[in-house]
mmCIF file of all heavy atoms, coordinates in Angstrom:
data_MODEL
# 
_entry.id   MODEL 
# 
loop_
_atom_site.group_PDB 
_atom_site.id 
_atom_site.type_symbol 
_atom_site.label_atom_id 
_atom_site.label_alt_id 
_atom_site.label_comp_id 
_atom_site.label_asym_id 
_atom_site.label_entity_id 
_atom_site.label_seq_id 
_atom_site.pdbx_PDB_ins_code 
_atom_site.Cartn_x 
_atom_site.Cartn_y 
_atom_site.Cartn_z 
_atom_site.occupancy 
_atom_site.B_iso_or_equiv 
_atom_site.pdbx_formal_charge 
_atom_site.auth_seq_id 
_atom_site.auth_comp_id 
_atom_site.auth_asym_id 
_atom_site.auth_atom_id 
_atom_site.pdbx_PDB_model_num 
ATOM 1   N N   . ASP A 1 1  ? 95.798  105.730 98.682  1.00 0.00 ? 1  ASP A N   1 
ATOM 2   C CA  . ASP A 1 1  ? 96.363  104.819 99.680  1.00 0.00 ? 1  ASP A CA  1 
ATOM 3   C C   . ASP A 1 1  ? 96.839  103.522 99.018  1.00 0.00 ? 1  ASP A C   1 
ATOM 4   O O   . ASP A 1 1  ? 97.919  103.017 99.333  1.00 0.00 ? 1  ASP A O   1 
ATOM 5   C CB  . ASP A 1 1  ? 95.313  104.531 100.755 1.00 0.00 ? 1  ASP A CB  1 
ATOM 6   C CG  . ASP A 1 1  ? 95.854  103.684 101.888 1.00 0.00 ? 1  ASP A CG  1 
ATOM 7   O OD1 . ASP A 1 1  ? 96.958  103.967 102.386 1.00 0.00 ? 1  ASP A OD1 1 
ATOM 8   O OD2 . ASP A 1 1  ? 95.156  102.721 102.291 1.00 0.00 ? 1  ASP A OD2 1 
ATOM 9   N N   . LEU A 1 2  ? 96.056  102.993 98.115  1.00 0.00 ? 2  LEU A N   1 
ATOM 10  C CA  . LEU A 1 2  ? 96.433  101.754 97.428  1.00 0.00 ? 2  LEU A CA  1 
ATOM 11  C C   . LEU A 1 2  ? 97.663  101.949 96.545  1.00 0.00 ? 2  LEU A C   1 
ATOM 12  O O   . LEU A 1 2  ? 98.540  101.083 96.499  1.00 0.00 ? 2  LEU A O   1 
ATOM 13  C CB  . LEU A 1 2  ? 95.263  101.230 96.596  1.00 0.00 ? 2  LEU A CB  1 
ATOM 14  C CG  . LEU A 1 2  ? 94.135  100.590 97.389  1.00 0.00 ? 2  LEU A CG  1 
ATOM 15  C CD1 . LEU A 1 2  ? 92.888  100.454 96.517  1.00 0.00 ? 2  LEU A CD1 1 
ATOM 16  C CD2 . LEU A 1 2  ? 94.552  99.243  97.953  1.00 0.00 ? 2  LEU A CD2 1 
ATOM 17  N N   . VAL A 1 3  ? 97.754  103.079 95.865  1.00 0.00 ? 3  VAL A N   1 
ATOM 18  C CA  . VAL A 1 3  ? 98.934  103.356 95.036  1.00 0.00 ? 3  VAL A CA  1 
ATOM 19  C C   . VAL A 1 3  ? 100.163 103.503 95.929  1.00 0.00 ? 3  VAL A C   1 
ATOM 20  O O   . VAL A 1 3  ? 101.246 103.000 95.592  1.00 0.00 ? 3  VAL A O   1 
ATOM 21  C CB  . VAL A 1 3  ? 98.725  104.601 94.145  1.00 0.00 ? 3  VAL A CB  1 
ATOM 22  C CG1 . VAL A 1 3  ? 100.028 105.023 93.478  1.00 0.00 ? 3  VAL A CG1 1 
ATOM 23  C CG2 . VAL A 1 3  ? 97.653  104.323 93.088  1.00 0.00 ? 3  VAL A CG2 1 
ATOM 24  N N   . GLU A 1 4  ? 100.003 104.135 97.074  1.00 0.00 ? 4  GLU A N   1 
ATOM 25  C CA  . GLU A 1 4  ? 101.135 104.267 98.005  1.00 0.00 ? 4  GLU A CA  1 
ATOM 26  C C   . GLU A 1 4  ? 101.565 102.896 98.528  1.00 0.00 ? 4  GLU A C   1 
ATOM 27  O O   . GLU A 1 4  ? 102.764 102.618 98.661  1.00 0.00 ? 4  GLU A O   1 
ATOM 28  C CB  . GLU A 1 4  ? 100.778 105.196 99.160  1.00 0.00 ? 4  GLU A CB  1 
ATOM 29  C CG  . GLU A 1 4  ? 101.930 105.463 100.094 1.00 0.00 ? 4  GLU A CG  1 
ATOM 30  C CD  . GLU A 1 4  ? 103.175 106.023 99.412  1.00 0.00 ? 4  GLU A CD  1 
ATOM 31  O OE1 . GLU A 1 4  ? 103.051 106.790 98.432  1.00 0.00 ? 4  GLU A OE1 1 
ATOM 32  O OE2 . GLU A 1 4  ? 104.299 105.681 99.850  1.00 0.00 ? 4  GLU A OE2 1 
ATOM 33  N N   . GLU A 1 5  ? 100.606 102.042 98.825  1.00 0.00 ? 5  GLU A N   1 
ATOM 34  C CA  . GLU A 1 5  ? 100.951 100.679 99.246  1.00 0.00 ? 5  GLU A CA  1 
ATOM 35  C C   . GLU A 1 5  ? 101.706 99.968  98.132  1.00 0.00 ? 5  GLU A C   1 
ATOM 36  O O   . GLU A 1 5  ? 102.716 99.312  98.376  1.00 0.00 ? 5  GLU A O   1 
ATOM 37  C CB  . GLU A 1 5  ? 99.695  99.885  99.619  1.00 0.00 ? 5  GLU A CB  1 
ATOM 38  C CG  . GLU A 1 5  ? 100.023 98.462  100.041 1.00 0.00 ? 5  GLU A CG  1 
ATOM 39  C CD  . GLU A 1 5  ? 98.811  97.641  100.430 1.00 0.00 ? 5  GLU A CD  1 
ATOM 40  O OE1 . GLU A 1 5  ? 97.699  98.203  100.547 1.00 0.00 ? 5  GLU A OE1 1 
ATOM 41  O OE2 . GLU A 1 5  ? 98.975  96.421  100.612 1.00 0.00 ? 5  GLU A OE2 1 
ATOM 42  N N   . TYR A 1 6  ? 101.216 100.095 96.914  1.00 0.00 ? 6  TYR A N   1 
ATOM 43  C CA  . TYR A 1 6  ? 101.893 99.484  95.771  1.00 0.00 ? 6  TYR A CA  1 
ATOM 44  C C   . TYR A 1 6  ? 103.343 99.967  95.689  1.00 0.00 ? 6  TYR A C   1 
ATOM 45  O O   . TYR A 1 6  ? 104.273 99.171  95.514  1.00 0.00 ? 6  TYR A O   1 
ATOM 46  C CB  . TYR A 1 6  ? 101.140 99.796  94.468  1.00 0.00 ? 6  TYR A CB  1 
ATOM 47  C CG  . TYR A 1 6  ? 101.930 99.405  93.256  1.00 0.00 ? 6  TYR A CG  1 
ATOM 48  C CD1 . TYR A 1 6  ? 101.906 98.102  92.785  1.00 0.00 ? 6  TYR A CD1 1 
ATOM 49  C CD2 . TYR A 1 6  ? 102.744 100.338 92.623  1.00 0.00 ? 6  TYR A CD2 1 
ATOM 50  C CE1 . TYR A 1 6  ? 102.686 97.733  91.703  1.00 0.00 ? 6  TYR A CE1 1 
ATOM 51  C CE2 . TYR A 1 6  ? 103.519 99.974  91.542  1.00 0.00 ? 6  TYR A CE2 1 
ATOM 52  C CZ  . TYR A 1 6  ? 103.486 98.668  91.082  1.00 0.00 ? 6  TYR A CZ  1 
ATOM 53  O OH  . TYR A 1 6  ? 104.268 98.308  90.015  1.00 0.00 ? 6  TYR A OH  1 
ATOM 54  N N   . ARG A 1 7  ? 103.548 101.280 95.795  1.00 0.00 ? 7  ARG A N   1 
ATOM 55  C CA  . ARG A 1 7  ? 104.910 101.835 95.731  1.00 0.00 ? 7  ARG A CA  1 
ATOM 56  C C   . ARG A 1 7  ? 105.800 101.245 96.824  1.00 0.00 ? 7  ARG A C   1 
ATOM 57  O O   . ARG A 1 7  ? 106.960 100.926 96.595  1.00 0.00 ? 7  ARG A O   1 
ATOM 58  C CB  . ARG A 1 7  ? 104.879 103.354 95.887  1.00 0.00 ? 7  ARG A CB  1 
ATOM 59  C CG  . ARG A 1 7  ? 104.379 104.113 94.696  1.00 0.00 ? 7  ARG A CG  1 
ATOM 60  C CD  . ARG A 1 7  ? 104.335 105.604 95.086  1.00 0.00 ? 7  ARG A CD  1 
ATOM 61  N NE  . ARG A 1 7  ? 103.787 106.451 94.095  1.00 0.00 ? 7  ARG A NE  1 
ATOM 62  C CZ  . ARG A 1 7  ? 104.500 107.181 93.240  1.00 0.00 ? 7  ARG A CZ  1 
ATOM 63  N NH1 . ARG A 1 7  ? 105.811 107.128 93.262  1.00 0.00 ? 7  ARG A NH1 1 
ATOM 64  N NH2 . ARG A 1 7  ? 103.910 107.963 92.372  1.00 0.00 ? 7  ARG A NH2 1 
ATOM 65  N N   . SER A 1 8  ? 105.254 101.116 98.025  1.00 0.00 ? 8  SER A N   1 
ATOM 66  C CA  . SER A 1 8  ? 106.025 100.574 99.148  1.00 0.00 ? 8  SER A CA  1 
ATOM 67  C C   . SER A 1 8  ? 106.387 99.113  98.928  1.00 0.00 ? 8  SER A C   1 
ATOM 68  O O   . SER A 1 8  ? 107.517 98.702  99.183  1.00 0.00 ? 8  SER A O   1 
ATOM 69  C CB  . SER A 1 8  ? 105.230 100.711 100.449 1.00 0.00 ? 8  SER A CB  1 
ATOM 70  O OG  . SER A 1 8  ? 105.014 102.054 100.761 1.00 0.00 ? 8  SER A OG  1 
ATOM 71  N N   . VAL A 1 9  ? 105.423 98.345  98.476  1.00 0.00 ? 9  VAL A N   1 
ATOM 72  C CA  . VAL A 1 9  ? 105.676 96.928  98.203  1.00 0.00 ? 9  VAL A CA  1 
ATOM 73  C C   . VAL A 1 9  ? 106.742 96.788  97.126  1.00 0.00 ? 9  VAL A C   1 
ATOM 74  O O   . VAL A 1 9  ? 107.686 96.003  97.254  1.00 0.00 ? 9  VAL A O   1 
ATOM 75  C CB  . VAL A 1 9  ? 104.367 96.202  97.800  1.00 0.00 ? 9  VAL A CB  1 
ATOM 76  C CG1 . VAL A 1 9  ? 104.642 94.798  97.283  1.00 0.00 ? 9  VAL A CG1 1 
ATOM 77  C CG2 . VAL A 1 9  ? 103.406 96.162  98.978  1.00 0.00 ? 9  VAL A CG2 1 
ATOM 78  N N   . ARG A 1 10 ? 106.614 97.574  96.054  1.00 0.00 ? 10 ARG A N   1 
ATOM 79  C CA  . ARG A 1 10 ? 107.596 97.490  94.970  1.00 0.00 ? 10 ARG A CA  1 
ATOM 80  C C   . ARG A 1 10 ? 108.987 97.926  95.431  1.00 0.00 ? 10 ARG A C   1 
ATOM 81  O O   . ARG A 1 10 ? 109.987 97.325  95.054  1.00 0.00 ? 10 ARG A O   1 
ATOM 82  C CB  . ARG A 1 10 ? 107.129 98.308  93.773  1.00 0.00 ? 10 ARG A CB  1 
ATOM 83  C CG  . ARG A 1 10 ? 108.064 98.289  92.562  1.00 0.00 ? 10 ARG A CG  1 
ATOM 84  C CD  . ARG A 1 10 ? 108.423 96.872  92.062  1.00 0.00 ? 10 ARG A CD  1 
ATOM 85  N NE  . ARG A 1 10 ? 107.299 96.035  91.804  1.00 0.00 ? 10 ARG A NE  1 
ATOM 86  C CZ  . ARG A 1 10 ? 106.677 95.906  90.629  1.00 0.00 ? 10 ARG A CZ  1 
ATOM 87  N NH1 . ARG A 1 10 ? 107.084 96.593  89.584  1.00 0.00 ? 10 ARG A NH1 1 
ATOM 88  N NH2 . ARG A 1 10 ? 105.645 95.089  90.519  1.00 0.00 ? 10 ARG A NH2 1 
ATOM 89  N N   . ALA A 1 11 ? 109.048 98.971  96.247  1.00 0.00 ? 11 ALA A N   1 
ATOM 90  C CA  . ALA A 1 11 ? 110.344 99.412  96.760  1.00 0.00 ? 11 ALA A CA  1 
ATOM 91  C C   . ALA A 1 11 ? 111.010 98.293  97.565  1.00 0.00 ? 11 ALA A C   1 
ATOM 92  O O   . ALA A 1 11 ? 112.218 98.056  97.433  1.00 0.00 ? 11 ALA A O   1 
ATOM 93  C CB  . ALA A 1 11 ? 110.179 100.668 97.617  1.00 0.00 ? 11 ALA A CB  1 
ATOM 94  N N   . ALA A 1 12 ? 110.230 97.594  98.378  1.00 0.00 ? 12 ALA A N   1 
ATOM 95  C CA  . ALA A 1 12 ? 110.776 96.487  99.159  1.00 0.00 ? 12 ALA A CA  1 
ATOM 96  C C   . ALA A 1 12 ? 111.257 95.361  98.242  1.00 0.00 ? 12 ALA A C   1 
ATOM 97  O O   . ALA A 1 12 ? 112.317 94.769  98.477  1.00 0.00 ? 12 ALA A O   1 
ATOM 98  C CB  . ALA A 1 12 ? 109.734 95.967  100.141 1.00 0.00 ? 12 ALA A CB  1 
ATOM 99  N N   . SER A 1 13 ? 110.504 95.070  97.196  1.00 0.00 ? 13 SER A N   1 
ATOM 100 C CA  . SER A 1 13 ? 110.910 94.014  96.257  1.00 0.00 ? 13 SER A CA  1 
ATOM 101 C C   . SER A 1 13 ? 112.198 94.394  95.539  1.00 0.00 ? 13 SER A C   1 
ATOM 102 O O   . SER A 1 13 ? 113.115 93.569  95.395  1.00 0.00 ? 13 SER A O   1 
ATOM 103 C CB  . SER A 1 13 ? 109.804 93.740  95.229  1.00 0.00 ? 13 SER A CB  1 
ATOM 104 O OG  . SER A 1 13 ? 108.657 93.237  95.863  1.00 0.00 ? 13 SER A OG  1 
ATOM 105 N N   . ILE A 1 14 ? 112.281 95.625  95.085  1.00 0.00 ? 14 ILE A N   1 
ATOM 106 C CA  . ILE A 1 14 ? 113.488 96.070  94.388  1.00 0.00 ? 14 ILE A CA  1 
ATOM 107 C C   . ILE A 1 14 ? 114.690 95.973  95.317  1.00 0.00 ? 14 ILE A C   1 
ATOM 108 O O   . ILE A 1 14 ? 115.759 95.490  94.922  1.00 0.00 ? 14 ILE A O   1 
ATOM 109 C CB  . ILE A 1 14 ? 113.300 97.502  93.832  1.00 0.00 ? 14 ILE A CB  1 
ATOM 110 C CG1 . ILE A 1 14 ? 112.312 97.461  92.655  1.00 0.00 ? 14 ILE A CG1 1 
ATOM 111 C CG2 . ILE A 1 14 ? 114.640 98.109  93.416  1.00 0.00 ? 14 ILE A CG2 1 
ATOM 112 C CD1 . ILE A 1 14 ? 111.859 98.830  92.165  1.00 0.00 ? 14 ILE A CD1 1 
ATOM 113 N N   . THR A 1 15 ? 114.535 96.391  96.551  1.00 0.00 ? 15 THR A N   1 
ATOM 114 C CA  . THR A 1 15 ? 115.630 96.307  97.513  1.00 0.00 ? 15 THR A CA  1 
ATOM 115 C C   . THR A 1 15 ? 116.045 94.858  97.740  1.00 0.00 ? 15 THR A C   1 
ATOM 116 O O   . THR A 1 15 ? 117.242 94.539  97.768  1.00 0.00 ? 15 THR A O   1 
ATOM 117 C CB  . THR A 1 15 ? 115.227 96.970  98.847  1.00 0.00 ? 15 THR A CB  1 
ATOM 118 O OG1 . THR A 1 15 ? 114.877 98.328  98.601  1.00 0.00 ? 15 THR A OG1 1 
ATOM 119 C CG2 . THR A 1 15 ? 116.348 96.907  99.860  1.00 0.00 ? 15 THR A CG2 1 
ATOM 120 N N   . LEU A 1 16 ? 115.078 93.973  97.902  1.00 0.00 ? 16 LEU A N   1 
ATOM 121 C CA  . LEU A 1 16 ? 115.379 92.550  98.084  1.00 0.00 ? 16 LEU A CA  1 
ATOM 122 C C   . LEU A 1 16 ? 116.165 92.007  96.899  1.00 0.00 ? 16 LEU A C   1 
ATOM 123 O O   . LEU A 1 16 ? 117.254 91.449  97.058  1.00 0.00 ? 16 LEU A O   1 
ATOM 124 C CB  . LEU A 1 16 ? 114.082 91.746  98.254  1.00 0.00 ? 16 LEU A CB  1 
ATOM 125 C CG  . LEU A 1 16 ? 114.225 90.217  98.139  1.00 0.00 ? 16 LEU A CG  1 
ATOM 126 C CD1 . LEU A 1 16 ? 115.044 89.663  99.291  1.00 0.00 ? 16 LEU A CD1 1 
ATOM 127 C CD2 . LEU A 1 16 ? 112.853 89.564  98.061  1.00 0.00 ? 16 LEU A CD2 1 
ATOM 128 N N   . PHE A 1 17 ? 115.626 92.165  95.704  1.00 0.00 ? 17 PHE A N   1 
ATOM 129 C CA  . PHE A 1 17 ? 116.260 91.565  94.527  1.00 0.00 ? 17 PHE A CA  1 
ATOM 130 C C   . PHE A 1 17 ? 117.585 92.236  94.175  1.00 0.00 ? 17 PHE A C   1 
ATOM 131 O O   . PHE A 1 17 ? 118.516 91.569  93.721  1.00 0.00 ? 17 PHE A O   1 
ATOM 132 C CB  . PHE A 1 17 ? 115.292 91.568  93.343  1.00 0.00 ? 17 PHE A CB  1 
ATOM 133 C CG  . PHE A 1 17 ? 114.145 90.605  93.520  1.00 0.00 ? 17 PHE A CG  1 
ATOM 134 C CD1 . PHE A 1 17 ? 112.847 91.062  93.626  1.00 0.00 ? 17 PHE A CD1 1 
ATOM 135 C CD2 . PHE A 1 17 ? 114.368 89.240  93.596  1.00 0.00 ? 17 PHE A CD2 1 
ATOM 136 C CE1 . PHE A 1 17 ? 111.777 90.181  93.793  1.00 0.00 ? 17 PHE A CE1 1 
ATOM 137 C CE2 . PHE A 1 17 ? 113.314 88.343  93.769  1.00 0.00 ? 17 PHE A CE2 1 
ATOM 138 C CZ  . PHE A 1 17 ? 112.019 88.813  93.867  1.00 0.00 ? 17 PHE A CZ  1 
ATOM 139 N N   . ALA A 1 18 ? 117.693 93.538  94.394  1.00 0.00 ? 18 ALA A N   1 
ATOM 140 C CA  . ALA A 1 18 ? 118.948 94.240  94.090  1.00 0.00 ? 18 ALA A CA  1 
ATOM 141 C C   . ALA A 1 18 ? 120.084 93.783  94.995  1.00 0.00 ? 18 ALA A C   1 
ATOM 142 O O   . ALA A 1 18 ? 121.251 93.895  94.623  1.00 0.00 ? 18 ALA A O   1 
ATOM 143 C CB  . ALA A 1 18 ? 118.756 95.754  94.206  1.00 0.00 ? 18 ALA A CB  1 
ATOM 144 N N   . GLY A 1 19 ? 119.763 93.246  96.149  1.00 0.00 ? 19 GLY A N   1 
ATOM 145 C CA  . GLY A 1 19 ? 120.787 92.796  97.083  1.00 0.00 ? 19 GLY A CA  1 
ATOM 146 C C   . GLY A 1 19 ? 121.248 91.362  96.902  1.00 0.00 ? 19 GLY A C   1 
ATOM 147 O O   . GLY A 1 19 ? 122.111 90.892  97.647  1.00 0.00 ? 19 GLY A O   1 
ATOM 148 N N   . LEU A 1 20 ? 120.701 90.666  95.927  1.00 0.00 ? 20 LEU A N   1 
ATOM 149 C CA  . LEU A 1 20 ? 121.068 89.257  95.741  1.00 0.00 ? 20 LEU A CA  1 
ATOM 150 C C   . LEU A 1 20 ? 122.398 89.105  95.027  1.00 0.00 ? 20 LEU A C   1 
ATOM 151 O O   . LEU A 1 20 ? 122.701 89.850  94.097  1.00 0.00 ? 20 LEU A O   1 
ATOM 152 C CB  . LEU A 1 20 ? 119.984 88.524  94.939  1.00 0.00 ? 20 LEU A CB  1 
ATOM 153 C CG  . LEU A 1 20 ? 118.608 88.423  95.580  1.00 0.00 ? 20 LEU A CG  1 
ATOM 154 C CD1 . LEU A 1 20 ? 117.659 87.678  94.655  1.00 0.00 ? 20 LEU A CD1 1 
ATOM 155 C CD2 . LEU A 1 20 ? 118.682 87.743  96.940  1.00 0.00 ? 20 LEU A CD2 1 
ATOM 156 N N   . GLY A 1 21 ? 123.158 88.118  95.432  1.00 0.00 ? 21 GLY A N   1 
ATOM 157 C CA  . GLY A 1 21 ? 124.384 87.757  94.731  1.00 0.00 ? 21 GLY A CA  1 
ATOM 158 C C   . GLY A 1 21 ? 124.069 86.876  93.531  1.00 0.00 ? 21 GLY A C   1 
ATOM 159 O O   . GLY A 1 21 ? 122.953 86.349  93.403  1.00 0.00 ? 21 GLY A O   1 
ATOM 160 N N   . SER A 1 22 ? 125.021 86.709  92.664  1.00 0.00 ? 22 SER A N   1 
ATOM 161 C CA  . SER A 1 22 ? 124.789 85.974  91.414  1.00 0.00 ? 22 SER A CA  1 
ATOM 162 C C   . SER A 1 22 ? 124.335 84.539  91.641  1.00 0.00 ? 22 SER A C   1 
ATOM 163 O O   . SER A 1 22 ? 123.520 84.017  90.882  1.00 0.00 ? 22 SER A O   1 
ATOM 164 C CB  . SER A 1 22 ? 126.040 86.013  90.537  1.00 0.00 ? 22 SER A CB  1 
ATOM 165 O OG  . SER A 1 22 ? 127.130 85.426  91.222  1.00 0.00 ? 22 SER A OG  1 
ATOM 166 N N   . GLU A 1 23 ? 124.810 83.894  92.701  1.00 0.00 ? 23 GLU A N   1 
ATOM 167 C CA  . GLU A 1 23 ? 124.441 82.499  92.944  1.00 0.00 ? 23 GLU A CA  1 
ATOM 168 C C   . GLU A 1 23 ? 122.991 82.349  93.388  1.00 0.00 ? 23 GLU A C   1 
ATOM 169 O O   . GLU A 1 23 ? 122.383 81.294  93.208  1.00 0.00 ? 23 GLU A O   1 
ATOM 170 C CB  . GLU A 1 23 ? 125.387 81.869  93.971  1.00 0.00 ? 23 GLU A CB  1 
ATOM 171 C CG  . GLU A 1 23 ? 125.243 82.390  95.393  1.00 0.00 ? 23 GLU A CG  1 
ATOM 172 C CD  . GLU A 1 23 ? 125.792 83.796  95.652  1.00 0.00 ? 23 GLU A CD  1 
ATOM 173 O OE1 . GLU A 1 23 ? 126.516 84.356  94.802  1.00 0.00 ? 23 GLU A OE1 1 
ATOM 174 O OE2 . GLU A 1 23 ? 125.469 84.353  96.721  1.00 0.00 ? 23 GLU A OE2 1 
ATOM 175 N N   . ALA A 1 24 ? 122.415 83.395  93.939  1.00 0.00 ? 24 ALA A N   1 
ATOM 176 C CA  . ALA A 1 24 ? 121.041 83.315  94.451  1.00 0.00 ? 24 ALA A CA  1 
ATOM 177 C C   . ALA A 1 24 ? 120.002 83.258  93.343  1.00 0.00 ? 24 ALA A C   1 
ATOM 178 O O   . ALA A 1 24 ? 118.945 82.628  93.502  1.00 0.00 ? 24 ALA A O   1 
ATOM 179 C CB  . ALA A 1 24 ? 120.746 84.497  95.369  1.00 0.00 ? 24 ALA A CB  1 
ATOM 180 N N   . TRP A 1 25 ? 120.270 83.904  92.213  1.00 0.00 ? 25 TRP A N   1 
ATOM 181 C CA  . TRP A 1 25 ? 119.259 84.027  91.157  1.00 0.00 ? 25 TRP A CA  1 
ATOM 182 C C   . TRP A 1 25 ? 118.765 82.688  90.623  1.00 0.00 ? 25 TRP A C   1 
ATOM 183 O O   . TRP A 1 25 ? 117.610 82.569  90.210  1.00 0.00 ? 25 TRP A O   1 
ATOM 184 C CB  . TRP A 1 25 ? 119.784 84.870  89.996  1.00 0.00 ? 25 TRP A CB  1 
ATOM 185 C CG  . TRP A 1 25 ? 119.882 86.315  90.320  1.00 0.00 ? 25 TRP A CG  1 
ATOM 186 C CD1 . TRP A 1 25 ? 121.027 87.046  90.486  1.00 0.00 ? 25 TRP A CD1 1 
ATOM 187 C CD2 . TRP A 1 25 ? 118.796 87.229  90.523  1.00 0.00 ? 25 TRP A CD2 1 
ATOM 188 N NE1 . TRP A 1 25 ? 120.716 88.351  90.786  1.00 0.00 ? 25 TRP A NE1 1 
ATOM 189 C CE2 . TRP A 1 25 ? 119.363 88.490  90.816  1.00 0.00 ? 25 TRP A CE2 1 
ATOM 190 C CE3 . TRP A 1 25 ? 117.416 87.107  90.501  1.00 0.00 ? 25 TRP A CE3 1 
ATOM 191 C CZ2 . TRP A 1 25 ? 118.581 89.624  91.071  1.00 0.00 ? 25 TRP A CZ2 1 
ATOM 192 C CZ3 . TRP A 1 25 ? 116.636 88.228  90.749  1.00 0.00 ? 25 TRP A CZ3 1 
ATOM 193 C CH2 . TRP A 1 25 ? 117.222 89.465  91.027  1.00 0.00 ? 25 TRP A CH2 1 
ATOM 194 N N   . THR A 1 26 ? 119.605 81.686  90.621  1.00 0.00 ? 26 THR A N   1 
ATOM 195 C CA  . THR A 1 26 ? 119.207 80.400  90.019  1.00 0.00 ? 26 THR A CA  1 
ATOM 196 C C   . THR A 1 26 ? 118.927 79.318  91.058  1.00 0.00 ? 26 THR A C   1 
ATOM 197 O O   . THR A 1 26 ? 118.776 78.150  90.693  1.00 0.00 ? 26 THR A O   1 
ATOM 198 C CB  . THR A 1 26 ? 120.275 79.916  89.022  1.00 0.00 ? 26 THR A CB  1 
ATOM 199 O OG1 . THR A 1 26 ? 121.541 79.848  89.696  1.00 0.00 ? 26 THR A OG1 1 
ATOM 200 C CG2 . THR A 1 26 ? 120.361 80.849  87.825  1.00 0.00 ? 26 THR A CG2 1 
ATOM 201 N N   . ARG A 1 27 ? 118.814 79.702  92.319  1.00 0.00 ? 27 ARG A N   1 
ATOM 202 C CA  . ARG A 1 27 ? 118.430 78.708  93.331  1.00 0.00 ? 27 ARG A CA  1 
ATOM 203 C C   . ARG A 1 27 ? 117.013 78.250  93.039  1.00 0.00 ? 27 ARG A C   1 
ATOM 204 O O   . ARG A 1 27 ? 116.147 79.037  92.693  1.00 0.00 ? 27 ARG A O   1 
ATOM 205 C CB  . ARG A 1 27 ? 118.553 79.298  94.731  1.00 0.00 ? 27 ARG A CB  1 
ATOM 206 C CG  . ARG A 1 27 ? 120.017 79.456  95.110  1.00 0.00 ? 27 ARG A CG  1 
ATOM 207 C CD  . ARG A 1 27 ? 120.204 79.743  96.573  1.00 0.00 ? 27 ARG A CD  1 
ATOM 208 N NE  . ARG A 1 27 ? 121.639 79.830  96.839  1.00 0.00 ? 27 ARG A NE  1 
ATOM 209 C CZ  . ARG A 1 27 ? 122.229 80.834  97.466  1.00 0.00 ? 27 ARG A CZ  1 
ATOM 210 N NH1 . ARG A 1 27 ? 121.510 81.842  97.945  1.00 0.00 ? 27 ARG A NH1 1 
ATOM 211 N NH2 . ARG A 1 27 ? 123.524 80.829  97.660  1.00 0.00 ? 27 ARG A NH2 1 
ATOM 212 N N   . ARG A 1 28 ? 116.799 76.947  93.210  1.00 0.00 ? 28 ARG A N   1 
ATOM 213 C CA  . ARG A 1 28 ? 115.551 76.305  92.787  1.00 0.00 ? 28 ARG A CA  1 
ATOM 214 C C   . ARG A 1 28 ? 114.691 75.846  93.946  1.00 0.00 ? 28 ARG A C   1 
ATOM 215 O O   . ARG A 1 28 ? 115.172 75.562  95.025  1.00 0.00 ? 28 ARG A O   1 
ATOM 216 C CB  . ARG A 1 28 ? 115.855 75.092  91.914  1.00 0.00 ? 28 ARG A CB  1 
ATOM 217 C CG  . ARG A 1 28 ? 116.428 75.439  90.592  1.00 0.00 ? 28 ARG A CG  1 
ATOM 218 C CD  . ARG A 1 28 ? 116.520 74.202  89.672  1.00 0.00 ? 28 ARG A CD  1 
ATOM 219 N NE  . ARG A 1 28 ? 116.748 74.660  88.326  1.00 0.00 ? 28 ARG A NE  1 
ATOM 220 C CZ  . ARG A 1 28 ? 115.799 74.995  87.470  1.00 0.00 ? 28 ARG A CZ  1 
ATOM 221 N NH1 . ARG A 1 28 ? 114.536 74.893  87.808  1.00 0.00 ? 28 ARG A NH1 1 
ATOM 222 N NH2 . ARG A 1 28 ? 116.099 75.424  86.259  1.00 0.00 ? 28 ARG A NH2 1 
# 
């Protein structure tokens, strides 16, 4: 269950970061 949660959390993070435009990466 914990490994599955980890996979889900990571999938959400990858989706979030993969959708960012170039200007977003350096926002402070």
